[in-house]
Amino acid sequence: MSHLSLNRVFLIGFLPHSPVLRYVPSGIPVVNFSLAVYRTFSSEEEKEWIDYLNIIAWRDLALFCGENLKRGDWVFVEGRIQVRAYESSEGKKRKAYEIVASEVKLLSYPKNRKREEVTENGSR
């Protein structure tokens, strides 16, 4: 039996904090960062909210993010939603929702960096 399924997200937002690059025990680089994305409610007041989404990237993409992304940068992220189940320190079952990035593009560039230094797919 075949099931039709799609798990793909496209996001544009800004970094409230610089990414944190680390290495898992096997030596594979991984980076975690939060992406702030605006959400507007259709109402009389047109309220605007910011959602903070957890992003994770692995290997070469993690190295790119750790070396090139800084607080305040605007970025495009493509990836998939992942749900992790875990137990809190109080013993309660919890779920964590995060975006596993397959592509990250820097949309804003510091004044001292030229656009040509970063290619279209986010690599150097």
PDB file of N, CA and C in Angstrom:
ATOM      1  N   MET A   1       0.838  -1.172   0.000  1.00  0.00           N
ATOM      2  CA  MET A   1       0.000   0.000   0.000  1.00  0.00           C
ATOM      3  C   MET A   1       0.885   1.238   0.000  1.00  0.00           C
ATOM      4  N   SER A   2       0.537   2.191  -0.855  1.00  0.00           N
ATOM      5  CA  SER A   2       1.302   3.420  -0.963  1.00  0.00           C
ATOM      6  C   SER A   2       0.495   4.583  -0.399  1.00  0.00           C
ATOM      7  N   HIS A   3       1.166   5.427   0.372  1.00  0.00           N
ATOM      8  CA  HIS A   3       0.509   6.595   0.953  1.00  0.00           C
ATOM      9  C   HIS A   3       1.149   7.854   0.384  1.00  0.00           C
ATOM     10  N   LEU A   4       0.318   8.782   0.009  1.00  0.00           N
ATOM     11  CA  LEU A   4       0.803  10.058  -0.470  1.00  0.00           C
ATOM     12  C   LEU A   4       1.017  10.965   0.733  1.00  0.00           C
ATOM     13  N   SER A   5       2.213  11.506   0.865  1.00  0.00           N
ATOM     14  CA  SER A   5       2.538  12.330   2.021  1.00  0.00           C
ATOM     15  C   SER A   5       3.513  13.420   1.612  1.00  0.00           C
ATOM     16  N   LEU A   6       3.444  14.542   2.302  1.00  0.00           N
ATOM     17  CA  LEU A   6       4.355  15.647   2.028  1.00  0.00           C
ATOM     18  C   LEU A   6       4.677  16.348   3.338  1.00  0.00           C
ATOM     19  N   ASN A   7       5.949  16.515   3.617  1.00  0.00           N
ATOM     20  CA  ASN A   7       6.405  17.207   4.819  1.00  0.00           C
ATOM     21  C   ASN A   7       7.501  18.173   4.382  1.00  0.00           C
ATOM     22  N   ARG A   8       7.120  19.378   4.004  1.00  0.00           N
ATOM     23  CA  ARG A   8       8.061  20.372   3.498  1.00  0.00           C
ATOM     24  C   ARG A   8       7.639  21.746   4.000  1.00  0.00           C
ATOM     25  N   VAL A   9       8.577  22.512   4.506  1.00  0.00           N
ATOM     26  CA  VAL A   9       8.288  23.869   4.956  1.00  0.00           C
ATOM     27  C   VAL A   9       9.264  24.838   4.311  1.00  0.00           C
ATOM     28  N   PHE A  10       8.778  26.053   4.089  1.00  0.00           N
ATOM     29  CA  PHE A  10       9.564  27.145   3.549  1.00  0.00           C
ATOM     30  C   PHE A  10       9.337  28.329   4.475  1.00  0.00           C
ATOM     31  N   LEU A  11      10.398  28.869   5.026  1.00  0.00           N
ATOM     32  CA  LEU A  11      10.291  29.932   6.020  1.00  0.00           C
ATOM     33  C   LEU A  11      11.246  31.072   5.698  1.00  0.00           C
ATOM     34  N   ILE A  12      10.821  32.283   5.993  1.00  0.00           N
ATOM     35  CA  ILE A  12      11.703  33.444   5.963  1.00  0.00           C
ATOM     36  C   ILE A  12      11.525  34.148   7.295  1.00  0.00           C
ATOM     37  N   GLY A  13      12.635  34.398   7.965  1.00  0.00           N
ATOM     38  CA  GLY A  13      12.590  35.061   9.251  1.00  0.00           C
ATOM     39  C   GLY A  13      13.954  35.601   9.616  1.00  0.00           C
ATOM     40  N   PHE A  14      14.060  36.078  10.854  1.00  0.00           N
ATOM     41  CA  PHE A  14      15.337  36.617  11.306  1.00  0.00           C
ATOM     42  C   PHE A  14      15.826  35.857  12.522  1.00  0.00           C
ATOM     43  N   LEU A  15      17.121  35.962  12.774  1.00  0.00           N
ATOM     44  CA  LEU A  15      17.739  35.250  13.889  1.00  0.00           C
ATOM     45  C   LEU A  15      17.773  36.143  15.123  1.00  0.00           C
ATOM     46  N   PRO A  16      17.043  35.770  16.179  1.00  0.00           N
ATOM     47  CA  PRO A  16      17.100  36.553  17.411  1.00  0.00           C
ATOM     48  C   PRO A  16      18.412  36.338  18.162  1.00  0.00           C
ATOM     49  N   HIS A  17      19.113  35.239  17.856  1.00  0.00           N
ATOM     50  CA  HIS A  17      20.402  34.908  18.468  1.00  0.00           C
ATOM     51  C   HIS A  17      21.276  34.243  17.418  1.00  0.00           C
ATOM     52  N   SER A  18      22.569  34.313  17.579  1.00  0.00           N
ATOM     53  CA  SER A  18      23.481  33.616  16.670  1.00  0.00           C
ATOM     54  C   SER A  18      23.369  32.110  16.871  1.00  0.00           C
ATOM     55  N   PRO A  19      23.528  31.332  15.791  1.00  0.00           N
ATOM     56  CA  PRO A  19      23.454  29.874  15.908  1.00  0.00           C
ATOM     57  C   PRO A  19      24.565  29.311  16.795  1.00  0.00           C
ATOM     58  N   VAL A  20      24.289  28.154  17.375  1.00  0.00           N
ATOM     59  CA  VAL A  20      25.260  27.470  18.218  1.00  0.00           C
ATOM     60  C   VAL A  20      25.701  26.189  17.511  1.00  0.00           C
ATOM     61  N   LEU A  21      26.973  26.155  17.116  1.00  0.00           N
ATOM     62  CA  LEU A  21      27.535  24.988  16.433  1.00  0.00           C
ATOM     63  C   LEU A  21      28.167  24.067  17.462  1.00  0.00           C
ATOM     64  N   ARG A  22      27.883  22.770  17.346  1.00  0.00           N
ATOM     65  CA  ARG A  22      28.510  21.773  18.218  1.00  0.00           C
ATOM     66  C   ARG A  22      28.743  20.507  17.404  1.00  0.00           C
ATOM     67  N   TYR A  23      29.366  19.550  18.025  1.00  0.00           N
ATOM     68  CA  TYR A  23      29.647  18.282  17.361  1.00  0.00           C
ATOM     69  C   TYR A  23      29.096  17.148  18.218  1.00  0.00           C
ATOM     70  N   VAL A  24      28.406  16.197  17.569  1.00  0.00           N
ATOM     71  CA  VAL A  24      27.925  15.021  18.292  1.00  0.00           C
ATOM     72  C   VAL A  24      29.134  14.122  18.557  1.00  0.00           C
ATOM     73  N   PRO A  25      29.018  13.159  19.478  1.00  0.00           N
ATOM     74  CA  PRO A  25      30.173  12.315  19.816  1.00  0.00           C
ATOM     75  C   PRO A  25      30.861  11.648  18.619  1.00  0.00           C
ATOM     76  N   SER A  26      30.115  11.361  17.551  1.00  0.00           N
ATOM     77  CA  SER A  26      30.732  10.733  16.371  1.00  0.00           C
ATOM     78  C   SER A  26      31.482  11.742  15.503  1.00  0.00           C
ATOM     79  N   GLY A  27      31.448  13.032  15.892  1.00  0.00           N
ATOM     80  CA  GLY A  27      32.192  14.062  15.168  1.00  0.00           C
ATOM     81  C   GLY A  27      31.395  14.806  14.115  1.00  0.00           C
ATOM     82  N   ILE A  28      30.123  14.505  13.956  1.00  0.00           N
ATOM     83  CA  ILE A  28      29.292  15.173  12.955  1.00  0.00           C
ATOM     84  C   ILE A  28      28.858  16.538  13.479  1.00  0.00           C
ATOM     85  N   PRO A  29      29.062  17.605  12.677  1.00  0.00           N
ATOM     86  CA  PRO A  29      28.636  18.937  13.116  1.00  0.00           C
ATOM     87  C   PRO A  29      27.118  19.088  13.060  1.00  0.00           C
ATOM     88  N   VAL A  30      26.577  19.786  14.048  1.00  0.00           N
ATOM     89  CA  VAL A  30      25.152  20.082  14.111  1.00  0.00           C
ATOM     90  C   VAL A  30      24.997  21.486  14.671  1.00  0.00           C
ATOM     91  N   VAL A  31      24.021  22.213  14.150  1.00  0.00           N
ATOM     92  CA  VAL A  31      23.768  23.566  14.633  1.00  0.00           C
ATOM     93  C   VAL A  31      22.289  23.696  14.960  1.00  0.00           C
ATOM     94  N   ASN A  32      22.011  24.402  16.033  1.00  0.00           N
ATOM     95  CA  ASN A  32      20.645  24.712  16.432  1.00  0.00           C
ATOM     96  C   ASN A  32      20.499  26.222  16.467  1.00  0.00           C
ATOM     97  N   PHE A  33      19.372  26.706  15.978  1.00  0.00           N
ATOM     98  CA  PHE A  33      19.092  28.126  16.119  1.00  0.00           C
ATOM     99  C   PHE A  33      17.598  28.356  16.075  1.00  0.00           C
ATOM    100  N   SER A  34      17.214  29.495  16.564  1.00  0.00           N
ATOM    101  CA  SER A  34      15.818  29.894  16.573  1.00  0.00           C
ATOM    102  C   SER A  34      15.590  30.839  15.403  1.00  0.00           C
ATOM    103  N   LEU A  35      14.455  30.672  14.719  1.00  0.00           N
ATOM    104  CA  LEU A  35      14.086  31.545  13.615  1.00  0.00           C
ATOM    105  C   LEU A  35      12.802  32.269  14.003  1.00  0.00           C
ATOM    106  N   ALA A  36      12.845  33.579  14.012  1.00  0.00           N
ATOM    107  CA  ALA A  36      11.678  34.396  14.349  1.00  0.00           C
ATOM    108  C   ALA A  36      10.914  34.700  13.069  1.00  0.00           C
ATOM    109  N   VAL A  37       9.649  34.271  13.029  1.00  0.00           N
ATOM    110  CA  VAL A  37       8.820  34.416  11.838  1.00  0.00           C
ATOM    111  C   VAL A  37       7.559  35.186  12.211  1.00  0.00           C
ATOM    112  N   TYR A  38       7.253  36.230  11.447  1.00  0.00           N
ATOM    113  CA  TYR A  38       6.061  37.035  11.713  1.00  0.00           C
ATOM    114  C   TYR A  38       4.799  36.292  11.291  1.00  0.00           C
ATOM    115  N   ARG A  39       3.747  36.466  12.084  1.00  0.00           N
ATOM    116  CA  ARG A  39       2.432  35.885  11.791  1.00  0.00           C
ATOM    117  C   ARG A  39       1.399  36.982  12.042  1.00  0.00           C
ATOM    118  N   THR A  40       0.564  37.252  11.048  1.00  0.00           N
ATOM    119  CA  THR A  40      -0.450  38.296  11.163  1.00  0.00           C
ATOM    120  C   THR A  40      -1.829  37.656  11.299  1.00  0.00           C
ATOM    121  N   PHE A  41      -2.605  38.143  12.237  1.00  0.00           N
ATOM    122  CA  PHE A  41      -3.974  37.696  12.395  1.00  0.00           C
ATOM    123  C   PHE A  41      -4.888  38.625  11.617  1.00  0.00           C
ATOM    124  N   SER A  42      -5.817  38.049  10.886  1.00  0.00           N
ATOM    125  CA  SER A  42      -6.798  38.868  10.173  1.00  0.00           C
ATOM    126  C   SER A  42      -7.882  39.272  11.168  1.00  0.00           C
ATOM    127  N   SER A  43      -7.828  40.487  11.567  1.00  0.00           N
ATOM    128  CA  SER A  43      -8.823  41.029  12.485  1.00  0.00           C
ATOM    129  C   SER A  43      -8.883  42.527  12.273  1.00  0.00           C
ATOM    130  N   GLU A  44      -9.726  43.172  13.020  1.00  0.00           N
ATOM    131  CA  GLU A  44      -9.843  44.623  12.902  1.00  0.00           C
ATOM    132  C   GLU A  44      -8.537  45.319  13.263  1.00  0.00           C
ATOM    133  N   GLU A  45      -7.816  44.738  14.207  1.00  0.00           N
ATOM    134  CA  GLU A  45      -6.584  45.366  14.680  1.00  0.00           C
ATOM    135  C   GLU A  45      -5.356  44.947  13.884  1.00  0.00           C
ATOM    136  N   GLU A  46      -5.470  43.891  13.068  1.00  0.00           N
ATOM    137  CA  GLU A  46      -4.328  43.375  12.306  1.00  0.00           C
ATOM    138  C   GLU A  46      -3.118  43.157  13.215  1.00  0.00           C
ATOM    139  N   LYS A  47      -3.327  42.393  14.264  1.00  0.00           N
ATOM    140  CA  LYS A  47      -2.241  42.120  15.202  1.00  0.00           C
ATOM    141  C   LYS A  47      -1.167  41.269  14.547  1.00  0.00           C
ATOM    142  N   GLU A  48       0.059  41.548  14.913  1.00  0.00           N
ATOM    143  CA  GLU A  48       1.199  40.810  14.380  1.00  0.00           C
ATOM    144  C   GLU A  48       1.913  40.116  15.528  1.00  0.00           C
ATOM    145  N   TRP A  49       2.168  38.850  15.362  1.00  0.00           N
ATOM    146  CA  TRP A  49       2.858  38.060  16.378  1.00  0.00           C
ATOM    147  C   TRP A  49       4.149  37.523  15.780  1.00  0.00           C
ATOM    148  N   ILE A  50       5.055  37.111  16.640  1.00  0.00           N
ATOM    149  CA  ILE A  50       6.286  36.467  16.184  1.00  0.00           C
ATOM    150  C   ILE A  50       6.315  35.059  16.755  1.00  0.00           C
ATOM    151  N   ASP A  51       6.473  34.078  15.870  1.00  0.00           N
ATOM    152  CA  ASP A  51       6.673  32.691  16.284  1.00  0.00           C
ATOM    153  C   ASP A  51       8.161  32.413  16.257  1.00  0.00           C
ATOM    154  N   TYR A  52       8.667  31.764  17.298  1.00  0.00           N
ATOM    155  CA  TYR A  52      10.075  31.375  17.356  1.00  0.00           C
ATOM    156  C   TYR A  52      10.151  29.884  17.087  1.00  0.00           C
ATOM    157  N   LEU A  53      10.709  29.529  15.933  1.00  0.00           N
ATOM    158  CA  LEU A  53      10.766  28.141  15.499  1.00  0.00           C
ATOM    159  C   LEU A  53      12.175  27.599  15.680  1.00  0.00           C
ATOM    160  N   ASN A  54      12.265  26.364  16.179  1.00  0.00           N
ATOM    161  CA  ASN A  54      13.563  25.720  16.389  1.00  0.00           C
ATOM    162  C   ASN A  54      14.018  25.080  15.094  1.00  0.00           C
ATOM    163  N   ILE A  55      15.237  25.447  14.668  1.00  0.00           N
ATOM    164  CA  ILE A  55      15.826  24.930  13.429  1.00  0.00           C
ATOM    165  C   ILE A  55      17.055  24.107  13.798  1.00  0.00           C
ATOM    166  N   ILE A  56      17.228  22.985  13.102  1.00  0.00           N
ATOM    167  CA  ILE A  56      18.426  22.158  13.284  1.00  0.00           C
ATOM    168  C   ILE A  56      18.998  21.850  11.894  1.00  0.00           C
ATOM    169  N   ALA A  57      20.321  21.932  11.779  1.00  0.00           N
ATOM    170  CA  ALA A  57      20.989  21.619  10.516  1.00  0.00           C
ATOM    171  C   ALA A  57      22.194  20.734  10.815  1.00  0.00           C
ATOM    172  N   TRP A  58      22.524  19.859   9.893  1.00  0.00           N
ATOM    173  CA  TRP A  58      23.594  18.888  10.066  1.00  0.00           C
ATOM    174  C   TRP A  58      24.685  19.058   9.016  1.00  0.00           C
ATOM    175  N   ARG A  59      25.845  18.538   9.334  1.00  0.00           N
ATOM    176  CA  ARG A  59      27.002  18.407   8.455  1.00  0.00           C
ATOM    177  C   ARG A  59      27.434  19.732   7.812  1.00  0.00           C
ATOM    178  N   ASP A  60      27.593  19.771   6.481  1.00  0.00           N
ATOM    179  CA  ASP A  60      28.094  20.975   5.798  1.00  0.00           C
ATOM    180  C   ASP A  60      27.175  22.171   6.005  1.00  0.00           C
ATOM    181  N   LEU A  61      25.876  21.918   6.022  1.00  0.00           N
ATOM    182  CA  LEU A  61      24.929  23.009   6.240  1.00  0.00           C
ATOM    183  C   LEU A  61      25.080  23.569   7.654  1.00  0.00           C
ATOM    184  N   ALA A  62      25.356  22.709   8.615  1.00  0.00           N
ATOM    185  CA  ALA A  62      25.602  23.159   9.994  1.00  0.00           C
ATOM    186  C   ALA A  62      26.846  24.032  10.049  1.00  0.00           C
ATOM    187  N   LEU A  63      27.902  23.640   9.353  1.00  0.00           N
ATOM    188  CA  LEU A  63      29.132  24.432   9.326  1.00  0.00           C
ATOM    189  C   LEU A  63      28.877  25.800   8.692  1.00  0.00           C
ATOM    190  N   PHE A  64      28.132  25.811   7.578  1.00  0.00           N
ATOM    191  CA  PHE A  64      27.790  27.079   6.928  1.00  0.00           C
ATOM    192  C   PHE A  64      27.049  27.994   7.901  1.00  0.00           C
ATOM    193  N   CYS A  65      26.036  27.460   8.570  1.00  0.00           N
ATOM    194  CA  CYS A  65      25.226  28.263   9.495  1.00  0.00           C
ATOM    195  C   CYS A  65      26.069  28.779  10.655  1.00  0.00           C
ATOM    196  N   GLY A  66      26.888  27.908  11.222  1.00  0.00           N
ATOM    197  CA  GLY A  66      27.714  28.300  12.357  1.00  0.00           C
ATOM    198  C   GLY A  66      28.748  29.355  12.011  1.00  0.00           C
ATOM    199  N   GLU A  67      29.252  29.317  10.785  1.00  0.00           N
ATOM    200  CA  GLU A  67      30.310  30.243  10.369  1.00  0.00           C
ATOM    201  C   GLU A  67      29.774  31.542   9.768  1.00  0.00           C
ATOM    202  N   ASN A  68      28.559  31.534   9.216  1.00  0.00           N
ATOM    203  CA  ASN A  68      28.081  32.684   8.446  1.00  0.00           C
ATOM    204  C   ASN A  68      26.862  33.405   8.997  1.00  0.00           C
ATOM    205  N   LEU A  69      26.083  32.757   9.823  1.00  0.00           N
ATOM    206  CA  LEU A  69      24.861  33.387  10.324  1.00  0.00           C
ATOM    207  C   LEU A  69      25.092  34.030  11.671  1.00  0.00           C
ATOM    208  N   LYS A  70      24.538  35.218  11.830  1.00  0.00           N
ATOM    209  CA  LYS A  70      24.694  35.977  13.076  1.00  0.00           C
ATOM    210  C   LYS A  70      23.337  36.542  13.491  1.00  0.00           C
ATOM    211  N   ARG A  71      23.262  36.919  14.730  1.00  0.00           N
ATOM    212  CA  ARG A  71      22.052  37.544  15.275  1.00  0.00           C
ATOM    213  C   ARG A  71      21.620  38.711  14.381  1.00  0.00           C
ATOM    214  N   GLY A  72      20.330  38.761  14.066  1.00  0.00           N
ATOM    215  CA  GLY A  72      19.793  39.832  13.247  1.00  0.00           C
ATOM    216  C   GLY A  72      19.713  39.527  11.761  1.00  0.00           C
ATOM    217  N   ASP A  73      20.419  38.503  11.285  1.00  0.00           N
ATOM    218  CA  ASP A  73      20.362  38.145   9.864  1.00  0.00           C
ATOM    219  C   ASP A  73      18.970  37.650   9.491  1.00  0.00           C
ATOM    220  N   TRP A  74      18.553  37.986   8.281  1.00  0.00           N
ATOM    221  CA  TRP A  74      17.332  37.447   7.705  1.00  0.00           C
ATOM    222  C   TRP A  74      17.733  36.258   6.843  1.00  0.00           C
ATOM    223  N   VAL A  75      17.019  35.132   7.009  1.00  0.00           N
ATOM    224  CA  VAL A  75      17.371  33.917   6.283  1.00  0.00           C
ATOM    225  C   VAL A  75      16.125  33.227   5.732  1.00  0.00           C
ATOM    226  N   PHE A  76      16.337  32.472   4.683  1.00  0.00           N
ATOM    227  CA  PHE A  76      15.342  31.563   4.126  1.00  0.00           C
ATOM    228  C   PHE A  76      15.726  30.168   4.568  1.00  0.00           C
ATOM    229  N   VAL A  77      14.772  29.396   5.059  1.00  0.00           N
ATOM    230  CA  VAL A  77      15.018  28.016   5.487  1.00  0.00           C
ATOM    231  C   VAL A  77      14.024  27.104   4.780  1.00  0.00           C
ATOM    232  N   GLU A  78      14.543  26.052   4.177  1.00  0.00           N
ATOM    233  CA  GLU A  78      13.700  24.996   3.622  1.00  0.00           C
ATOM    234  C   GLU A  78      14.013  23.732   4.388  1.00  0.00           C
ATOM    235  N   GLY A  79      12.994  22.961   4.708  1.00  0.00           N
ATOM    236  CA  GLY A  79      13.237  21.732   5.444  1.00  0.00           C
ATOM    237  C   GLY A  79      11.976  20.952   5.699  1.00  0.00           C
ATOM    238  N   ARG A  80      12.009  20.143   6.755  1.00  0.00           N
ATOM    239  CA  ARG A  80      10.865  19.313   7.117  1.00  0.00           C
ATOM    240  C   ARG A  80      10.620  19.428   8.609  1.00  0.00           C
ATOM    241  N   ILE A  81       9.381  19.195   9.018  1.00  0.00           N
ATOM    242  CA  ILE A  81       9.029  19.232  10.432  1.00  0.00           C
ATOM    243  C   ILE A  81       9.339  17.876  11.047  1.00  0.00           C
ATOM    244  N   GLN A  82       9.949  17.913  12.206  1.00  0.00           N
ATOM    245  CA  GLN A  82      10.273  16.691  12.948  1.00  0.00           C
ATOM    246  C   GLN A  82       9.695  16.839  14.356  1.00  0.00           C
ATOM    247  N   VAL A  83       9.107  15.777  14.864  1.00  0.00           N
ATOM    248  CA  VAL A  83       8.555  15.770  16.219  1.00  0.00           C
ATOM    249  C   VAL A  83       9.345  14.753  17.038  1.00  0.00           C
ATOM    250  N   ARG A  84       9.887  15.218  18.143  1.00  0.00           N
ATOM    251  CA  ARG A  84      10.632  14.329  19.051  1.00  0.00           C
ATOM    252  C   ARG A  84       9.857  14.191  20.355  1.00  0.00           C
ATOM    253  N   ALA A  85       9.741  12.975  20.826  1.00  0.00           N
ATOM    254  CA  ALA A  85       9.122  12.728  22.133  1.00  0.00           C
ATOM    255  C   ALA A  85      10.235  12.547  23.155  1.00  0.00           C
ATOM    256  N   TYR A  86      10.059  13.131  24.332  1.00  0.00           N
ATOM    257  CA  TYR A  86      11.047  12.991  25.399  1.00  0.00           C
ATOM    258  C   TYR A  86      10.359  13.129  26.742  1.00  0.00           C
ATOM    259  N   GLU A  87      11.098  12.838  27.778  1.00  0.00           N
ATOM    260  CA  GLU A  87      10.568  12.950  29.134  1.00  0.00           C
ATOM    261  C   GLU A  87      11.251  14.114  29.839  1.00  0.00           C
ATOM    262  N   SER A  88      10.451  14.989  30.443  1.00  0.00           N
ATOM    263  CA  SER A  88      10.999  16.158  31.126  1.00  0.00           C
ATOM    264  C   SER A  88      11.683  15.733  32.421  1.00  0.00           C
ATOM    265  N   SER A  89      12.393  16.677  33.024  1.00  0.00           N
ATOM    266  CA  SER A  89      13.078  16.375  34.289  1.00  0.00           C
ATOM    267  C   SER A  89      12.085  16.041  35.402  1.00  0.00           C
ATOM    268  N   GLU A  90      10.818  16.460  35.229  1.00  0.00           N
ATOM    269  CA  GLU A  90       9.770  16.136  36.202  1.00  0.00           C
ATOM    270  C   GLU A  90       9.104  14.800  35.893  1.00  0.00           C
ATOM    271  N   GLY A  91       9.556  14.126  34.845  1.00  0.00           N
ATOM    272  CA  GLY A  91       9.003  12.828  34.473  1.00  0.00           C
ATOM    273  C   GLY A  91       7.777  12.896  33.577  1.00  0.00           C
ATOM    274  N   LYS A  92       7.458  14.074  33.062  1.00  0.00           N
ATOM    275  CA  LYS A  92       6.299  14.231  32.188  1.00  0.00           C
ATOM    276  C   LYS A  92       6.696  14.030  30.732  1.00  0.00           C
ATOM    277  N   LYS A  93       5.807  13.383  29.971  1.00  0.00           N
ATOM    278  CA  LYS A  93       6.058  13.182  28.546  1.00  0.00           C
ATOM    279  C   LYS A  93       5.826  14.490  27.808  1.00  0.00           C
ATOM    280  N   ARG A  94       6.776  14.837  26.957  1.00  0.00           N
ATOM    281  CA  ARG A  94       6.730  16.084  26.186  1.00  0.00           C
ATOM    282  C   ARG A  94       7.028  15.781  24.720  1.00  0.00           C
ATOM    283  N   LYS A  95       6.687  16.757  23.879  1.00  0.00           N
ATOM    284  CA  LYS A  95       7.028  16.689  22.460  1.00  0.00           C
ATOM    285  C   LYS A  95       7.732  17.971  22.082  1.00  0.00           C
ATOM    286  N   ALA A  96       8.739  17.847  21.232  1.00  0.00           N
ATOM    287  CA  ALA A  96       9.455  19.005  20.704  1.00  0.00           C
ATOM    288  C   ALA A  96       9.273  19.011  19.190  1.00  0.00           C
ATOM    289  N   TYR A  97       8.847  20.157  18.673  1.00  0.00           N
ATOM    290  CA  TYR A  97       8.669  20.330  17.239  1.00  0.00           C
ATOM    291  C   TYR A  97       9.827  21.168  16.732  1.00  0.00           C
ATOM    292  N   GLU A  98      10.486  20.685  15.691  1.00  0.00           N
ATOM    293  CA  GLU A  98      11.609  21.425  15.129  1.00  0.00           C
ATOM    294  C   GLU A  98      11.636  21.247  13.627  1.00  0.00           C
ATOM    295  N   ILE A  99      12.333  22.155  12.971  1.00  0.00           N
ATOM    296  CA  ILE A  99      12.500  22.103  11.522  1.00  0.00           C
ATOM    297  C   ILE A  99      13.909  21.589  11.239  1.00  0.00           C
ATOM    298  N   VAL A 100      13.999  20.482  10.508  1.00  0.00           N
ATOM    299  CA  VAL A 100      15.293  19.969  10.071  1.00  0.00           C
ATOM    300  C   VAL A 100      15.575  20.595   8.711  1.00  0.00           C
ATOM    301  N   ALA A 101      16.564  21.476   8.666  1.00  0.00           N
ATOM    302  CA  ALA A 101      16.852  22.247   7.459  1.00  0.00           C
ATOM    303  C   ALA A 101      17.557  21.404   6.407  1.00  0.00           C
ATOM    304  N   SER A 102      17.126  21.567   5.169  1.00  0.00           N
ATOM    305  CA  SER A 102      17.834  20.970   4.038  1.00  0.00           C
ATOM    306  C   SER A 102      18.531  22.056   3.225  1.00  0.00           C
ATOM    307  N   GLU A 103      18.083  23.308   3.427  1.00  0.00           N
ATOM    308  CA  GLU A 103      18.694  24.449   2.735  1.00  0.00           C
ATOM    309  C   GLU A 103      18.515  25.692   3.597  1.00  0.00           C
ATOM    310  N   VAL A 104      19.556  26.497   3.649  1.00  0.00           N
ATOM    311  CA  VAL A 104      19.511  27.781   4.357  1.00  0.00           C
ATOM    312  C   VAL A 104      20.187  28.813   3.469  1.00  0.00           C
ATOM    313  N   LYS A 105      19.477  29.912   3.222  1.00  0.00           N
ATOM    314  CA  LYS A 105      20.043  30.996   2.415  1.00  0.00           C
ATOM    315  C   LYS A 105      20.071  32.266   3.244  1.00  0.00           C
ATOM    316  N   LEU A 106      21.193  32.928   3.227  1.00  0.00           N
ATOM    317  CA  LEU A 106      21.346  34.211   3.900  1.00  0.00           C
ATOM    318  C   LEU A 106      20.722  35.288   3.027  1.00  0.00           C
ATOM    319  N   LEU A 107      19.769  36.033   3.571  1.00  0.00           N
ATOM    320  CA  LEU A 107      19.077  37.072   2.804  1.00  0.00           C
ATOM    321  C   LEU A 107      19.592  38.466   3.116  1.00  0.00           C
ATOM    322  N   SER A 108      20.190  38.660   4.277  1.00  0.00           N
ATOM    323  CA  SER A 108      20.743  39.968   4.622  1.00  0.00           C
ATOM    324  C   SER A 108      22.242  39.832   4.767  1.00  0.00           C
ATOM    325  N   TYR A 109      22.952  40.851   4.370  1.00  0.00           N
ATOM    326  CA  TYR A 109      24.400  40.789   4.356  1.00  0.00           C
ATOM    327  C   TYR A 109      24.985  41.950   5.139  1.00  0.00           C
ATOM    328  N   PRO A 110      25.928  41.656   6.034  1.00  0.00           N
ATOM    329  CA  PRO A 110      26.595  42.751   6.745  1.00  0.00           C
ATOM    330  C   PRO A 110      27.275  43.681   5.749  1.00  0.00           C
ATOM    331  N   LYS A 111      27.417  44.925   6.107  1.00  0.00           N
ATOM    332  CA  LYS A 111      28.005  45.926   5.208  1.00  0.00           C
ATOM    333  C   LYS A 111      29.434  45.579   4.808  1.00  0.00           C
ATOM    334  N   ASN A 112      30.149  44.848   5.655  1.00  0.00           N
ATOM    335  CA  ASN A 112      31.548  44.530   5.361  1.00  0.00           C
ATOM    336  C   ASN A 112      31.706  43.201   4.616  1.00  0.00           C
ATOM    337  N   ARG A 113      30.598  42.566   4.190  1.00  0.00           N
ATOM    338  CA  ARG A 113      30.686  41.296   3.479  1.00  0.00           C
ATOM    339  C   ARG A 113      30.010  41.438   2.122  1.00  0.00           C
ATOM    340  N   LYS A 114      30.659  40.935   1.081  1.00  0.00           N
ATOM    341  CA  LYS A 114      30.093  41.031  -0.258  1.00  0.00           C
ATOM    342  C   LYS A 114      29.168  39.849  -0.513  1.00  0.00           C
ATOM    343  N   ARG A 115      28.134  40.075  -1.309  1.00  0.00           N
ATOM    344  CA  ARG A 115      27.155  39.058  -1.648  1.00  0.00           C
ATOM    345  C   ARG A 115      27.798  37.840  -2.326  1.00  0.00           C
ATOM    346  N   GLU A 116      28.840  38.044  -3.097  1.00  0.00           N
ATOM    347  CA  GLU A 116      29.462  36.957  -3.843  1.00  0.00           C
ATOM    348  C   GLU A 116      30.121  35.922  -2.931  1.00  0.00           C
ATOM    349  N   GLU A 117      30.348  36.264  -1.659  1.00  0.00           N
ATOM    350  CA  GLU A 117      31.024  35.331  -0.756  1.00  0.00           C
ATOM    351  C   GLU A 117      30.133  34.147  -0.382  1.00  0.00           C
ATOM    352  N   VAL A 118      28.827  34.281  -0.555  1.00  0.00           N
ATOM    353  CA  VAL A 118      27.904  33.220  -0.206  1.00  0.00           C
ATOM    354  C   VAL A 118      27.122  32.850  -1.456  1.00  0.00           C
ATOM    355  N   THR A 119      27.133  31.569  -1.847  1.00  0.00           N
ATOM    356  CA  THR A 119      26.470  31.147  -3.071  1.00  0.00           C
ATOM    357  C   THR A 119      24.983  30.944  -2.832  1.00  0.00           C
ATOM    358  N   GLU A 120      24.276  30.660  -3.898  1.00  0.00           N
ATOM    359  CA  GLU A 120      22.819  30.519  -3.849  1.00  0.00           C
ATOM    360  C   GLU A 120      22.342  29.415  -2.905  1.00  0.00           C
ATOM    361  N   ASN A 121      23.029  28.296  -2.806  1.00  0.00           N
ATOM    362  CA  ASN A 121      22.535  27.208  -1.952  1.00  0.00           C
ATOM    363  C   ASN A 121      23.043  27.307  -0.518  1.00  0.00           C
ATOM    364  N   GLY A 122      23.635  28.416  -0.165  1.00  0.00           N
ATOM    365  CA  GLY A 122      24.067  28.605   1.209  1.00  0.00           C
ATOM    366  C   GLY A 122      25.460  28.097   1.495  1.00  0.00           C
ATOM    367  N   SER A 123      26.125  27.512   0.505  1.00  0.00           N
ATOM    368  CA  SER A 123      27.471  27.019   0.748  1.00  0.00           C
ATOM    369  C   SER A 123      28.482  28.094   0.384  1.00  0.00           C
ATOM    370  N   ARG A 124      29.735  27.836   0.747  1.00  0.00           N
ATOM    371  CA  ARG A 124      30.786  28.806   0.443  1.00  0.00           C
ATOM    372  C   ARG A 124      31.504  28.446  -0.813  1.00  0.00           C
TER     373      ARG A 124
END
